[in-house]
Amino acid sequence: MTSLLTKKNIFHLTFAILLPLLVFGITGRLLDKHFGTMPWIFLGAILVAMHITLVILIFRLKKVFSSFAMQNAKIKVQNDNVK
């Protein structure tokens, strides 16, 4: 039986969390400095990044769990055929 925590899955989930937060956080910080609106654009950008991260994680985890369920179904069929 395979594990859900493969290096590939961990890599994708890590970047799904970090990339939007870094991009939107840095962009929000720079825009706040430019417009002098500390910390409002930054906070808005972080909220947008959190929503984007949530959507990415939902789709990615659905894909991971569906592939895991398919692998388990194949193993079950193989085990049933052996008996």
PDB file of N, CA and C in Angstrom:
ATOM      1  N   MET A   1       0.844  -1.177   0.000  1.00  0.00           N
ATOM      2  CA  MET A   1       0.000   0.000   0.000  1.00  0.00           C
ATOM      3  C   MET A   1       0.894   1.246   0.000  1.00  0.00           C
ATOM      4  N   THR A   2       0.542   2.199  -0.808  1.00  0.00           N
ATOM      5  CA  THR A   2       1.359   3.401  -0.914  1.00  0.00           C
ATOM      6  C   THR A   2       0.912   4.443   0.101  1.00  0.00           C
ATOM      7  N   SER A   3       1.794   5.367   0.373  1.00  0.00           N
ATOM      8  CA  SER A   3       1.532   6.394   1.368  1.00  0.00           C
ATOM      9  C   SER A   3       1.041   7.675   0.700  1.00  0.00           C
ATOM     10  N   LEU A   4       0.215   8.414   1.420  1.00  0.00           N
ATOM     11  CA  LEU A   4      -0.216   9.728   0.944  1.00  0.00           C
ATOM     12  C   LEU A   4       0.921  10.740   1.021  1.00  0.00           C
ATOM     13  N   LEU A   5       1.870  10.505   1.918  1.00  0.00           N
ATOM     14  CA  LEU A   5       2.946  11.458   2.140  1.00  0.00           C
ATOM     15  C   LEU A   5       4.173  11.120   1.302  1.00  0.00           C
ATOM     16  N   THR A   6       4.019  11.156   0.002  1.00  0.00           N
ATOM     17  CA  THR A   6       5.166  10.965  -0.872  1.00  0.00           C
ATOM     18  C   THR A   6       5.898  12.297  -1.010  1.00  0.00           C
ATOM     19  N   LYS A   7       7.131  12.235  -1.464  1.00  0.00           N
ATOM     20  CA  LYS A   7       7.907  13.463  -1.635  1.00  0.00           C
ATOM     21  C   LYS A   7       7.228  14.409  -2.619  1.00  0.00           C
ATOM     22  N   LYS A   8       6.647  13.844  -3.667  1.00  0.00           N
ATOM     23  CA  LYS A   8       5.978  14.666  -4.676  1.00  0.00           C
ATOM     24  C   LYS A   8       4.782  15.406  -4.074  1.00  0.00           C
ATOM     25  N   ASN A   9       3.968  14.710  -3.289  1.00  0.00           N
ATOM     26  CA  ASN A   9       2.801  15.339  -2.674  1.00  0.00           C
ATOM     27  C   ASN A   9       3.202  16.409  -1.668  1.00  0.00           C
ATOM     28  N   ILE A  10       4.208  16.120  -0.872  1.00  0.00           N
ATOM     29  CA  ILE A  10       4.677  17.094   0.109  1.00  0.00           C
ATOM     30  C   ILE A  10       5.218  18.327  -0.604  1.00  0.00           C
ATOM     31  N   PHE A  11       5.974  18.129  -1.681  1.00  0.00           N
ATOM     32  CA  PHE A  11       6.524  19.237  -2.458  1.00  0.00           C
ATOM     33  C   PHE A  11       5.409  20.116  -3.009  1.00  0.00           C
ATOM     34  N   HIS A  12       4.392  19.514  -3.624  1.00  0.00           N
ATOM     35  CA  HIS A  12       3.293  20.280  -4.211  1.00  0.00           C
ATOM     36  C   HIS A  12       2.496  21.035  -3.148  1.00  0.00           C
ATOM     37  N   LEU A  13       2.224  20.389  -2.030  1.00  0.00           N
ATOM     38  CA  LEU A  13       1.454  21.052  -0.982  1.00  0.00           C
ATOM     39  C   LEU A  13       2.245  22.184  -0.327  1.00  0.00           C
ATOM     40  N   THR A  14       3.540  22.000  -0.171  1.00  0.00           N
ATOM     41  CA  THR A  14       4.378  23.056   0.397  1.00  0.00           C
ATOM     42  C   THR A  14       4.359  24.289  -0.488  1.00  0.00           C
ATOM     43  N   PHE A  15       4.544  24.089  -1.787  1.00  0.00           N
ATOM     44  CA  PHE A  15       4.549  25.238  -2.688  1.00  0.00           C
ATOM     45  C   PHE A  15       3.158  25.832  -2.875  1.00  0.00           C
ATOM     46  N   ALA A  16       2.122  25.030  -2.716  1.00  0.00           N
ATOM     47  CA  ALA A  16       0.752  25.555  -2.787  1.00  0.00           C
ATOM     48  C   ALA A  16       0.485  26.503  -1.624  1.00  0.00           C
ATOM     49  N   ILE A  17       1.158  26.309  -0.516  1.00  0.00           N
ATOM     50  CA  ILE A  17       0.991  27.182   0.638  1.00  0.00           C
ATOM     51  C   ILE A  17       1.941  28.373   0.571  1.00  0.00           C
ATOM     52  N   LEU A  18       3.203  28.110   0.297  1.00  0.00           N
ATOM     53  CA  LEU A  18       4.218  29.166   0.369  1.00  0.00           C
ATOM     54  C   LEU A  18       4.174  30.160  -0.793  1.00  0.00           C
ATOM     55  N   LEU A  19       3.996  29.678  -1.991  1.00  0.00           N
ATOM     56  CA  LEU A  19       4.107  30.559  -3.152  1.00  0.00           C
ATOM     57  C   LEU A  19       3.093  31.702  -3.147  1.00  0.00           C
ATOM     58  N   PRO A  20       1.791  31.441  -2.982  1.00  0.00           N
ATOM     59  CA  PRO A  20       0.853  32.569  -2.952  1.00  0.00           C
ATOM     60  C   PRO A  20       1.113  33.533  -1.783  1.00  0.00           C
ATOM     61  N   LEU A  21       1.457  32.992  -0.610  1.00  0.00           N
ATOM     62  CA  LEU A  21       1.716  33.861   0.529  1.00  0.00           C
ATOM     63  C   LEU A  21       2.922  34.764   0.290  1.00  0.00           C
ATOM     64  N   LEU A  22       3.983  34.211  -0.267  1.00  0.00           N
ATOM     65  CA  LEU A  22       5.165  35.024  -0.542  1.00  0.00           C
ATOM     66  C   LEU A  22       4.900  36.070  -1.615  1.00  0.00           C
ATOM     67  N   VAL A  23       4.291  35.646  -2.711  1.00  0.00           N
ATOM     68  CA  VAL A  23       4.050  36.575  -3.825  1.00  0.00           C
ATOM     69  C   VAL A  23       3.114  37.702  -3.403  1.00  0.00           C
ATOM     70  N   PHE A  24       1.975  37.340  -2.810  1.00  0.00           N
ATOM     71  CA  PHE A  24       1.012  38.368  -2.426  1.00  0.00           C
ATOM     72  C   PHE A  24       1.493  39.181  -1.223  1.00  0.00           C
ATOM     73  N   GLY A  25       2.199  38.548  -0.308  1.00  0.00           N
ATOM     74  CA  GLY A  25       2.725  39.270   0.849  1.00  0.00           C
ATOM     75  C   GLY A  25       3.742  40.322   0.459  1.00  0.00           C
ATOM     76  N   ILE A  26       4.692  39.941  -0.381  1.00  0.00           N
ATOM     77  CA  ILE A  26       5.715  40.894  -0.830  1.00  0.00           C
ATOM     78  C   ILE A  26       5.094  41.999  -1.674  1.00  0.00           C
ATOM     79  N   THR A  27       4.182  41.621  -2.567  1.00  0.00           N
ATOM     80  CA  THR A  27       3.517  42.617  -3.408  1.00  0.00           C
ATOM     81  C   THR A  27       2.709  43.592  -2.549  1.00  0.00           C
ATOM     82  N   GLY A  28       1.971  43.076  -1.585  1.00  0.00           N
ATOM     83  CA  GLY A  28       1.195  43.938  -0.698  1.00  0.00           C
ATOM     84  C   GLY A  28       2.069  44.874   0.108  1.00  0.00           C
ATOM     85  N   ARG A  29       3.177  44.360   0.580  1.00  0.00           N
ATOM     86  CA  ARG A  29       4.117  45.194   1.352  1.00  0.00           C
ATOM     87  C   ARG A  29       4.687  46.322   0.495  1.00  0.00           C
ATOM     88  N   LEU A  30       5.079  45.997  -0.740  1.00  0.00           N
ATOM     89  CA  LEU A  30       5.620  47.020  -1.639  1.00  0.00           C
ATOM     90  C   LEU A  30       4.566  48.065  -1.997  1.00  0.00           C
ATOM     91  N   LEU A  31       3.348  47.625  -2.253  1.00  0.00           N
ATOM     92  CA  LEU A  31       2.282  48.571  -2.574  1.00  0.00           C
ATOM     93  C   LEU A  31       1.949  49.460  -1.374  1.00  0.00           C
ATOM     94  N   ASP A  32       1.992  48.894  -0.174  1.00  0.00           N
ATOM     95  CA  ASP A  32       1.770  49.703   1.030  1.00  0.00           C
ATOM     96  C   ASP A  32       2.836  50.776   1.175  1.00  0.00           C
ATOM     97  N   LYS A  33       4.081  50.427   0.925  1.00  0.00           N
ATOM     98  CA  LYS A  33       5.158  51.416   1.005  1.00  0.00           C
ATOM     99  C   LYS A  33       4.964  52.509  -0.038  1.00  0.00           C
ATOM    100  N   HIS A  34       4.568  52.110  -1.244  1.00  0.00           N
ATOM    101  CA  HIS A  34       4.401  53.073  -2.335  1.00  0.00           C
ATOM    102  C   HIS A  34       3.251  54.048  -2.063  1.00  0.00           C
ATOM    103  N   PHE A  35       2.125  53.525  -1.593  1.00  0.00           N
ATOM    104  CA  PHE A  35       0.944  54.353  -1.391  1.00  0.00           C
ATOM    105  C   PHE A  35       0.812  54.897   0.032  1.00  0.00           C
ATOM    106  N   GLY A  36       1.649  54.423   0.947  1.00  0.00           N
ATOM    107  CA  GLY A  36       1.605  54.895   2.328  1.00  0.00           C
ATOM    108  C   GLY A  36       0.349  54.459   3.065  1.00  0.00           C
ATOM    109  N   THR A  37      -0.097  53.268   2.817  1.00  0.00           N
ATOM    110  CA  THR A  37      -1.335  52.768   3.428  1.00  0.00           C
ATOM    111  C   THR A  37      -1.078  51.621   4.399  1.00  0.00           C
ATOM    112  N   MET A  38       0.087  51.597   5.034  1.00  0.00           N
ATOM    113  CA  MET A  38       0.438  50.509   5.948  1.00  0.00           C
ATOM    114  C   MET A  38      -0.708  50.192   6.871  1.00  0.00           C
ATOM    115  N   PRO A  39      -1.084  49.044   7.150  1.00  0.00           N
ATOM    116  CA  PRO A  39      -0.818  47.717   6.625  1.00  0.00           C
ATOM    117  C   PRO A  39      -1.971  47.197   5.779  1.00  0.00           C
ATOM    118  N   TRP A  40      -2.832  48.057   5.263  1.00  0.00           N
ATOM    119  CA  TRP A  40      -4.108  47.625   4.687  1.00  0.00           C
ATOM    120  C   TRP A  40      -3.965  46.817   3.404  1.00  0.00           C
ATOM    121  N   ILE A  41      -3.160  47.240   2.482  1.00  0.00           N
ATOM    122  CA  ILE A  41      -2.993  46.471   1.235  1.00  0.00           C
ATOM    123  C   ILE A  41      -2.314  45.139   1.549  1.00  0.00           C
ATOM    124  N   PHE A  42      -1.346  45.171   2.453  1.00  0.00           N
ATOM    125  CA  PHE A  42      -0.667  43.941   2.864  1.00  0.00           C
ATOM    126  C   PHE A  42      -1.659  42.928   3.438  1.00  0.00           C
ATOM    127  N   LEU A  43      -2.521  43.396   4.341  1.00  0.00           N
ATOM    128  CA  LEU A  43      -3.502  42.490   4.949  1.00  0.00           C
ATOM    129  C   LEU A  43      -4.492  41.963   3.908  1.00  0.00           C
ATOM    130  N   GLY A  44      -4.922  42.830   2.999  1.00  0.00           N
ATOM    131  CA  GLY A  44      -5.814  42.385   1.930  1.00  0.00           C
ATOM    132  C   GLY A  44      -5.145  41.362   1.029  1.00  0.00           C
ATOM    133  N   ALA A  45      -3.881  41.604   0.721  1.00  0.00           N
ATOM    134  CA  ALA A  45      -3.139  40.673  -0.134  1.00  0.00           C
ATOM    135  C   ALA A  45      -2.965  39.322   0.560  1.00  0.00           C
ATOM    136  N   ILE A  46      -2.717  39.328   1.856  1.00  0.00           N
ATOM    137  CA  ILE A  46      -2.580  38.073   2.603  1.00  0.00           C
ATOM    138  C   ILE A  46      -3.903  37.310   2.608  1.00  0.00           C
ATOM    139  N   LEU A  47      -5.024  38.025   2.761  1.00  0.00           N
ATOM    140  CA  LEU A  47      -6.332  37.360   2.717  1.00  0.00           C
ATOM    141  C   LEU A  47      -6.592  36.734   1.344  1.00  0.00           C
ATOM    142  N   VAL A  48      -6.238  37.451   0.285  1.00  0.00           N
ATOM    143  CA  VAL A  48      -6.394  36.895  -1.065  1.00  0.00           C
ATOM    144  C   VAL A  48      -5.509  35.661  -1.221  1.00  0.00           C
ATOM    145  N   ALA A  49      -4.278  35.733  -0.738  1.00  0.00           N
ATOM    146  CA  ALA A  49      -3.354  34.597  -0.827  1.00  0.00           C
ATOM    147  C   ALA A  49      -3.888  33.392  -0.059  1.00  0.00           C
ATOM    148  N   MET A  50      -4.504  33.633   1.090  1.00  0.00           N
ATOM    149  CA  MET A  50      -5.063  32.529   1.870  1.00  0.00           C
ATOM    150  C   MET A  50      -6.215  31.855   1.123  1.00  0.00           C
ATOM    151  N   HIS A  51      -7.044  32.644   0.466  1.00  0.00           N
ATOM    152  CA  HIS A  51      -8.144  32.065  -0.312  1.00  0.00           C
ATOM    153  C   HIS A  51      -7.618  31.273  -1.509  1.00  0.00           C
ATOM    154  N   ILE A  52      -6.639  31.814  -2.189  1.00  0.00           N
ATOM    155  CA  ILE A  52      -6.041  31.103  -3.325  1.00  0.00           C
ATOM    156  C   ILE A  52      -5.398  29.800  -2.845  1.00  0.00           C
ATOM    157  N   THR A  53      -4.691  29.858  -1.732  1.00  0.00           N
ATOM    158  CA  THR A  53      -4.066  28.669  -1.168  1.00  0.00           C
ATOM    159  C   THR A  53      -5.107  27.619  -0.818  1.00  0.00           C
ATOM    160  N   LEU A  54      -6.211  28.046  -0.236  1.00  0.00           N
ATOM    161  CA  LEU A  54      -7.274  27.119   0.123  1.00  0.00           C
ATOM    162  C   LEU A  54      -7.836  26.415  -1.101  1.00  0.00           C
ATOM    163  N   VAL A  55      -8.078  27.161  -2.161  1.00  0.00           N
ATOM    164  CA  VAL A  55      -8.606  26.565  -3.397  1.00  0.00           C
ATOM    165  C   VAL A  55      -7.604  25.579  -3.986  1.00  0.00           C
ATOM    166  N   ILE A  56      -6.336  25.972  -4.040  1.00  0.00           N
ATOM    167  CA  ILE A  56      -5.299  25.081  -4.578  1.00  0.00           C
ATOM    168  C   ILE A  56      -5.215  23.796  -3.749  1.00  0.00           C
ATOM    169  N   LEU A  57      -5.234  23.934  -2.424  1.00  0.00           N
ATOM    170  CA  LEU A  57      -5.136  22.765  -1.555  1.00  0.00           C
ATOM    171  C   LEU A  57      -6.336  21.836  -1.712  1.00  0.00           C
ATOM    172  N   ILE A  58      -7.528  22.398  -1.844  1.00  0.00           N
ATOM    173  CA  ILE A  58      -8.714  21.559  -2.020  1.00  0.00           C
ATOM    174  C   ILE A  58      -8.594  20.734  -3.292  1.00  0.00           C
ATOM    175  N   PHE A  59      -8.241  21.377  -4.410  1.00  0.00           N
ATOM    176  CA  PHE A  59      -8.119  20.636  -5.665  1.00  0.00           C
ATOM    177  C   PHE A  59      -6.984  19.619  -5.608  1.00  0.00           C
ATOM    178  N   ARG A  60      -5.866  20.006  -5.027  1.00  0.00           N
ATOM    179  CA  ARG A  60      -4.722  19.095  -4.953  1.00  0.00           C
ATOM    180  C   ARG A  60      -5.027  17.894  -4.053  1.00  0.00           C
ATOM    181  N   LEU A  61      -5.649  18.136  -2.913  1.00  0.00           N
ATOM    182  CA  LEU A  61      -5.961  17.037  -2.004  1.00  0.00           C
ATOM    183  C   LEU A  61      -7.031  16.115  -2.580  1.00  0.00           C
ATOM    184  N   LYS A  62      -7.982  16.658  -3.327  1.00  0.00           N
ATOM    185  CA  LYS A  62      -8.960  15.801  -4.004  1.00  0.00           C
ATOM    186  C   LYS A  62      -8.254  14.859  -4.969  1.00  0.00           C
ATOM    187  N   LYS A  63      -7.287  15.397  -5.697  1.00  0.00           N
ATOM    188  CA  LYS A  63      -6.539  14.588  -6.662  1.00  0.00           C
ATOM    189  C   LYS A  63      -5.727  13.507  -5.950  1.00  0.00           C
ATOM    190  N   VAL A  64      -5.077  13.878  -4.867  1.00  0.00           N
ATOM    191  CA  VAL A  64      -4.261  12.921  -4.113  1.00  0.00           C
ATOM    192  C   VAL A  64      -5.137  11.817  -3.538  1.00  0.00           C
ATOM    193  N   PHE A  65      -6.253  12.181  -2.911  1.00  0.00           N
ATOM    194  CA  PHE A  65      -7.115  11.182  -2.293  1.00  0.00           C
ATOM    195  C   PHE A  65      -7.782  10.283  -3.328  1.00  0.00           C
ATOM    196  N   SER A  66      -8.140  10.841  -4.493  1.00  0.00           N
ATOM    197  CA  SER A  66      -8.754   9.994  -5.513  1.00  0.00           C
ATOM    198  C   SER A  66      -7.746   8.995  -6.072  1.00  0.00           C
ATOM    199  N   SER A  67      -6.506   9.419  -6.272  1.00  0.00           N
ATOM    200  CA  SER A  67      -5.494   8.476  -6.761  1.00  0.00           C
ATOM    201  C   SER A  67      -5.187   7.424  -5.691  1.00  0.00           C
ATOM    202  N   PHE A  68      -5.203   7.835  -4.432  1.00  0.00           N
ATOM    203  CA  PHE A  68      -4.973   6.886  -3.335  1.00  0.00           C
ATOM    204  C   PHE A  68      -6.107   5.861  -3.278  1.00  0.00           C
ATOM    205  N   ALA A  69      -7.340   6.308  -3.453  1.00  0.00           N
ATOM    206  CA  ALA A  69      -8.487   5.393  -3.440  1.00  0.00           C
ATOM    207  C   ALA A  69      -8.421   4.431  -4.624  1.00  0.00           C
ATOM    208  N   MET A  70      -7.993   4.911  -5.779  1.00  0.00           N
ATOM    209  CA  MET A  70      -7.875   4.034  -6.948  1.00  0.00           C
ATOM    210  C   MET A  70      -6.810   2.974  -6.715  1.00  0.00           C
ATOM    211  N   GLN A  71      -5.689   3.350  -6.115  1.00  0.00           N
ATOM    212  CA  GLN A  71      -4.629   2.386  -5.832  1.00  0.00           C
ATOM    213  C   GLN A  71      -5.110   1.329  -4.843  1.00  0.00           C
ATOM    214  N   ASN A  72      -5.838   1.764  -3.835  1.00  0.00           N
ATOM    215  CA  ASN A  72      -6.365   0.807  -2.858  1.00  0.00           C
ATOM    216  C   ASN A  72      -7.373  -0.127  -3.496  1.00  0.00           C
ATOM    217  N   ALA A  73      -8.181   0.373  -4.414  1.00  0.00           N
ATOM    218  CA  ALA A  73      -9.159  -0.474  -5.103  1.00  0.00           C
ATOM    219  C   ALA A  73      -8.442  -1.520  -5.953  1.00  0.00           C
ATOM    220  N   LYS A  74      -7.370  -1.138  -6.633  1.00  0.00           N
ATOM    221  CA  LYS A  74      -6.605  -2.084  -7.445  1.00  0.00           C
ATOM    222  C   LYS A  74      -5.990  -3.168  -6.569  1.00  0.00           C
ATOM    223  N   ILE A  75      -5.456  -2.767  -5.432  1.00  0.00           N
ATOM    224  CA  ILE A  75      -4.853  -3.736  -4.518  1.00  0.00           C
ATOM    225  C   ILE A  75      -5.911  -4.701  -3.997  1.00  0.00           C
ATOM    226  N   LYS A  76      -7.092  -4.189  -3.681  1.00  0.00           N
ATOM    227  CA  LYS A  76      -8.170  -5.039  -3.183  1.00  0.00           C
ATOM    228  C   LYS A  76      -8.591  -6.047  -4.245  1.00  0.00           C
ATOM    229  N   VAL A  77      -8.696  -5.602  -5.518  1.00  0.00           N
ATOM    230  CA  VAL A  77      -9.061  -6.517  -6.598  1.00  0.00           C
ATOM    231  C   VAL A  77      -8.008  -7.585  -6.775  1.00  0.00           C
ATOM    232  N   GLN A  78      -6.728  -7.188  -6.689  1.00  0.00           N
ATOM    233  CA  GLN A  78      -5.641  -8.152  -6.818  1.00  0.00           C
ATOM    234  C   GLN A  78      -5.686  -9.173  -5.681  1.00  0.00           C
ATOM    235  N   ASN A  79      -5.961  -8.705  -4.482  1.00  0.00           N
ATOM    236  CA  ASN A  79      -6.035  -9.611  -3.332  1.00  0.00           C
ATOM    237  C   ASN A  79      -7.227 -10.562  -3.460  1.00  0.00           C
ATOM    238  N   ASP A  80      -8.332 -10.050  -3.982  1.00  0.00           N
ATOM    239  CA  ASP A  80      -9.517 -10.897  -4.167  1.00  0.00           C
ATOM    240  C   ASP A  80      -9.267 -11.952  -5.231  1.00  0.00           C
ATOM    241  N   ASN A  81      -8.499 -11.628  -6.262  1.00  0.00           N
ATOM    242  CA  ASN A  81      -8.190 -12.578  -7.331  1.00  0.00           C
ATOM    243  C   ASN A  81      -7.249 -13.667  -6.849  1.00  0.00           C
ATOM    244  N   VAL A  82      -6.388 -13.363  -5.884  1.00  0.00           N
ATOM    245  CA  VAL A  82      -5.431 -14.334  -5.362  1.00  0.00           C
ATOM    246  C   VAL A  82      -6.159 -15.372  -4.513  1.00  0.00           C
ATOM    247  N   LYS A  83      -7.162 -14.981  -3.801  1.00  0.00           N
ATOM    248  CA  LYS A  83      -7.893 -15.909  -2.910  1.00  0.00           C
ATOM    249  C   LYS A  83      -8.694 -16.845  -3.682  1.00  0.00           C
TER     250      LYS A  83
END
